[in-house]
């Protein structure tokens, strides 16, 4: 897997984000809101520090990346809802 072009991996990840956002946006409002709330709760790293990532550790990198992914999916979902007049 390490010999895959990083640009290809980035394009695949972008496609998956867009698909996830469309799926969340397509849910009925009663089913969509709990997912949006769940994403919102995970878009910020909560590790007990005042400034997450201020003291770099090996464990923080993946956690920050995960939080960023949730943030990006949430943002794309909100954009999609705005485009369709639902948000």
N, C-alpha and C. Protein backbone atom coordinates (compact mmCIF):
# COMPACT_ATOMS: atom_id res chain seq x y z
N UNK A 1 0.82 -1.19 0.00
CA UNK A 1 0.00 0.00 0.00
C UNK A 1 0.86 1.26 0.00
N UNK A 2 2.08 1.17 0.49
CA UNK A 2 2.93 2.35 0.58
C UNK A 2 3.39 2.86 -0.78
N UNK A 3 3.25 2.05 -1.82
CA UNK A 3 3.68 2.52 -3.14
C UNK A 3 2.54 3.17 -3.92
N UNK A 4 1.41 3.45 -3.27
CA UNK A 4 0.33 4.17 -3.92
C UNK A 4 0.63 5.66 -3.83
N UNK A 5 0.43 6.34 -4.93
CA UNK A 5 0.68 7.78 -5.01
C UNK A 5 -0.17 8.51 -3.97
N UNK A 6 0.46 9.38 -3.17
CA UNK A 6 -0.31 10.13 -2.16
C UNK A 6 -1.47 10.93 -2.76
N UNK A 7 -1.32 11.41 -3.98
CA UNK A 7 -2.40 12.15 -4.62
C UNK A 7 -3.61 11.25 -4.87
N UNK A 8 -3.35 9.98 -5.20
CA UNK A 8 -4.43 9.02 -5.41
C UNK A 8 -5.14 8.74 -4.08
N UNK A 9 -4.38 8.56 -3.02
CA UNK A 9 -4.97 8.33 -1.70
C UNK A 9 -5.81 9.53 -1.27
N UNK A 10 -5.31 10.72 -1.52
CA UNK A 10 -6.05 11.93 -1.16
C UNK A 10 -7.35 12.02 -1.95
N UNK A 11 -7.30 11.68 -3.22
CA UNK A 11 -8.51 11.72 -4.06
C UNK A 11 -9.53 10.70 -3.57
N UNK A 12 -9.07 9.53 -3.18
CA UNK A 12 -9.97 8.50 -2.65
C UNK A 12 -10.61 8.95 -1.35
N UNK A 13 -9.82 9.54 -0.48
CA UNK A 13 -10.34 10.02 0.80
C UNK A 13 -11.36 11.13 0.57
N UNK A 14 -11.09 12.02 -0.35
CA UNK A 14 -12.03 13.09 -0.67
C UNK A 14 -13.34 12.51 -1.18
N UNK A 15 -13.27 11.51 -2.02
CA UNK A 15 -14.49 10.87 -2.55
C UNK A 15 -15.29 10.24 -1.41
N UNK A 16 -14.61 9.60 -0.48
CA UNK A 16 -15.31 8.97 0.64
C UNK A 16 -15.97 10.02 1.53
N UNK A 17 -15.28 11.11 1.78
CA UNK A 17 -15.87 12.20 2.57
C UNK A 17 -17.14 12.71 1.91
N UNK A 18 -17.06 12.95 0.61
CA UNK A 18 -18.22 13.48 -0.11
C UNK A 18 -19.39 12.51 -0.07
N UNK A 19 -19.09 11.23 -0.24
CA UNK A 19 -20.14 10.21 -0.19
C UNK A 19 -20.79 10.18 1.20
N UNK A 20 -19.97 10.18 2.25
CA UNK A 20 -20.51 10.17 3.61
C UNK A 20 -21.39 11.39 3.85
N UNK A 21 -20.93 12.55 3.42
CA UNK A 21 -21.72 13.77 3.62
C UNK A 21 -23.05 13.69 2.89
N UNK A 22 -23.05 13.16 1.67
CA UNK A 22 -24.30 13.02 0.92
C UNK A 22 -25.25 12.05 1.61
N UNK A 23 -24.71 10.96 2.14
CA UNK A 23 -25.54 9.98 2.83
C UNK A 23 -26.16 10.58 4.08
N UNK A 24 -25.38 11.30 4.85
CA UNK A 24 -25.91 11.94 6.06
C UNK A 24 -26.97 12.97 5.68
N UNK A 25 -26.68 13.79 4.69
CA UNK A 25 -27.63 14.83 4.26
C UNK A 25 -28.92 14.23 3.71
N UNK A 26 -28.86 13.03 3.15
CA UNK A 26 -30.03 12.40 2.57
C UNK A 26 -30.95 11.76 3.61
N UNK A 27 -30.48 11.62 4.83
CA UNK A 27 -31.31 11.04 5.88
C UNK A 27 -32.50 11.95 6.19
N UNK A 28 -33.56 11.33 6.68
CA UNK A 28 -34.69 12.12 7.17
C UNK A 28 -34.20 12.96 8.34
N UNK A 29 -34.76 14.16 8.54
CA UNK A 29 -34.26 15.04 9.60
C UNK A 29 -34.17 14.37 10.98
N UNK A 30 -35.12 13.53 11.33
CA UNK A 30 -35.10 12.89 12.65
C UNK A 30 -33.93 11.92 12.79
N UNK A 31 -33.51 11.32 11.70
CA UNK A 31 -32.37 10.41 11.73
C UNK A 31 -31.06 11.17 11.51
N UNK A 32 -31.13 12.26 10.77
CA UNK A 32 -29.93 13.03 10.43
C UNK A 32 -29.36 13.78 11.63
N UNK A 33 -30.21 14.39 12.42
CA UNK A 33 -29.73 15.24 13.51
C UNK A 33 -28.86 14.50 14.51
N UNK A 34 -29.20 13.28 14.93
CA UNK A 34 -28.30 12.57 15.85
C UNK A 34 -26.92 12.31 15.24
N UNK A 35 -26.87 12.07 13.94
CA UNK A 35 -25.57 11.85 13.28
C UNK A 35 -24.78 13.15 13.24
N UNK A 36 -25.45 14.25 12.92
CA UNK A 36 -24.79 15.56 12.91
C UNK A 36 -24.28 15.91 14.30
N UNK A 37 -25.11 15.64 15.31
CA UNK A 37 -24.67 15.90 16.69
C UNK A 37 -23.46 15.05 17.04
N UNK A 38 -23.49 13.78 16.64
CA UNK A 38 -22.38 12.87 16.91
C UNK A 38 -21.09 13.37 16.25
N UNK A 39 -21.19 13.80 15.00
CA UNK A 39 -20.02 14.34 14.30
C UNK A 39 -19.52 15.60 15.02
N UNK A 40 -20.45 16.46 15.43
CA UNK A 40 -20.07 17.68 16.11
C UNK A 40 -19.34 17.43 17.43
N UNK A 41 -19.73 16.37 18.10
CA UNK A 41 -19.07 16.03 19.37
C UNK A 41 -17.66 15.51 19.15
N UNK A 42 -17.38 15.03 17.95
CA UNK A 42 -16.09 14.43 17.68
C UNK A 42 -15.16 15.28 16.83
N UNK A 43 -15.62 16.47 16.44
CA UNK A 43 -14.79 17.32 15.57
C UNK A 43 -13.68 18.03 16.32
N UNK A 44 -13.71 17.98 17.65
CA UNK A 44 -12.67 18.60 18.46
C UNK A 44 -12.07 17.54 19.36
N UNK A 45 -10.76 17.45 19.36
CA UNK A 45 -10.07 16.50 20.21
C UNK A 45 -10.27 16.90 21.66
N UNK A 46 -10.76 15.97 22.45
CA UNK A 46 -10.96 16.22 23.87
C UNK A 46 -10.04 15.29 24.64
N UNK A 47 -8.88 15.84 24.99
CA UNK A 47 -7.90 15.01 25.70
C UNK A 47 -7.58 15.57 27.08
N UNK A 48 -8.42 16.50 27.54
CA UNK A 48 -8.21 17.06 28.87
C UNK A 48 -7.23 18.22 28.90
N UNK A 49 -6.62 18.52 27.77
CA UNK A 49 -5.68 19.64 27.73
C UNK A 49 -6.42 20.91 27.33
N UNK A 50 -5.91 22.03 27.81
CA UNK A 50 -6.49 23.31 27.42
C UNK A 50 -6.27 23.57 25.94
N UNK A 51 -5.11 23.19 25.44
CA UNK A 51 -4.75 23.37 24.03
C UNK A 51 -4.34 22.01 23.48
N UNK A 52 -5.30 21.24 22.92
CA UNK A 52 -4.97 19.91 22.42
C UNK A 52 -3.83 19.95 21.41
N UNK A 53 -2.89 19.08 21.60
CA UNK A 53 -1.77 19.01 20.69
C UNK A 53 -0.65 19.98 21.04
N UNK A 54 -0.81 20.77 22.11
CA UNK A 54 0.22 21.73 22.49
C UNK A 54 1.51 21.03 22.89
N UNK A 55 1.37 19.88 23.50
CA UNK A 55 2.51 19.06 23.86
C UNK A 55 2.47 17.84 22.96
N UNK A 56 3.21 17.86 21.86
CA UNK A 56 3.11 16.77 20.89
C UNK A 56 3.52 15.43 21.48
N UNK A 57 2.70 14.45 21.21
CA UNK A 57 3.03 13.07 21.57
C UNK A 57 2.68 12.21 20.37
N UNK A 58 3.18 11.01 20.35
CA UNK A 58 2.90 10.12 19.23
C UNK A 58 1.41 9.80 19.13
N UNK A 59 0.73 9.74 20.29
CA UNK A 59 -0.68 9.38 20.29
C UNK A 59 -1.58 10.49 19.75
N UNK A 60 -1.14 11.73 19.87
CA UNK A 60 -1.99 12.87 19.51
C UNK A 60 -2.17 13.00 17.99
N UNK A 61 -1.19 12.65 17.20
CA UNK A 61 -1.29 12.79 15.75
C UNK A 61 -2.49 12.10 15.15
N UNK A 62 -2.67 10.79 15.39
CA UNK A 62 -3.84 10.12 14.84
C UNK A 62 -5.16 10.66 15.41
N UNK A 63 -5.18 11.04 16.67
CA UNK A 63 -6.40 11.57 17.26
C UNK A 63 -6.77 12.90 16.63
N UNK A 64 -5.79 13.76 16.39
CA UNK A 64 -6.07 15.03 15.72
C UNK A 64 -6.55 14.80 14.29
N UNK A 65 -5.95 13.84 13.60
CA UNK A 65 -6.37 13.53 12.22
C UNK A 65 -7.80 13.01 12.21
N UNK A 66 -8.16 12.19 13.19
CA UNK A 66 -9.52 11.67 13.28
C UNK A 66 -10.51 12.80 13.51
N UNK A 67 -10.20 13.69 14.44
CA UNK A 67 -11.07 14.83 14.71
C UNK A 67 -11.23 15.70 13.46
N UNK A 68 -10.14 15.89 12.72
CA UNK A 68 -10.20 16.68 11.49
C UNK A 68 -11.10 16.01 10.45
N UNK A 69 -11.05 14.71 10.35
CA UNK A 69 -11.92 13.99 9.40
C UNK A 69 -13.39 14.20 9.75
N UNK A 70 -13.72 14.06 11.05
CA UNK A 70 -15.10 14.28 11.47
C UNK A 70 -15.52 15.71 11.16
N UNK A 71 -14.63 16.67 11.39
CA UNK A 71 -14.93 18.07 11.09
C UNK A 71 -15.20 18.27 9.60
N UNK A 72 -14.40 17.64 8.78
CA UNK A 72 -14.56 17.80 7.33
C UNK A 72 -15.86 17.17 6.84
N UNK A 73 -16.20 16.00 7.36
CA UNK A 73 -17.46 15.35 6.96
C UNK A 73 -18.64 16.20 7.42
N UNK A 74 -18.57 16.72 8.63
CA UNK A 74 -19.64 17.58 9.14
C UNK A 74 -19.79 18.82 8.27
N UNK A 75 -18.68 19.45 7.93
CA UNK A 75 -18.72 20.65 7.10
C UNK A 75 -19.33 20.35 5.72
N UNK A 76 -18.91 19.25 5.12
CA UNK A 76 -19.47 18.87 3.82
C UNK A 76 -20.96 18.57 3.91
N UNK A 77 -21.37 17.94 5.01
CA UNK A 77 -22.78 17.65 5.21
C UNK A 77 -23.57 18.96 5.31
N UNK A 78 -23.07 19.88 6.11
CA UNK A 78 -23.74 21.17 6.27
C UNK A 78 -23.79 21.93 4.94
N UNK A 79 -22.72 21.88 4.17
CA UNK A 79 -22.71 22.51 2.85
C UNK A 79 -23.77 21.90 1.95
N UNK A 80 -23.85 20.58 1.97
CA UNK A 80 -24.84 19.87 1.14
C UNK A 80 -26.26 20.25 1.55
N UNK A 81 -26.52 20.30 2.84
CA UNK A 81 -27.85 20.69 3.32
C UNK A 81 -28.18 22.11 2.91
N UNK A 82 -27.18 23.00 2.96
CA UNK A 82 -27.40 24.39 2.55
C UNK A 82 -27.71 24.46 1.06
N UNK A 83 -26.99 23.68 0.24
CA UNK A 83 -27.22 23.65 -1.20
C UNK A 83 -28.64 23.21 -1.54
N UNK A 84 -29.16 22.26 -0.77
CA UNK A 84 -30.47 21.70 -1.05
C UNK A 84 -31.59 22.45 -0.32
N UNK A 85 -31.22 23.51 0.42
CA UNK A 85 -32.21 24.30 1.12
C UNK A 85 -32.75 23.64 2.37
N UNK A 86 -32.03 22.65 2.90
CA UNK A 86 -32.49 21.95 4.10
C UNK A 86 -31.77 22.42 5.35
N UNK A 87 -30.75 23.26 5.18
CA UNK A 87 -29.94 23.61 6.34
C UNK A 87 -29.93 25.02 6.70
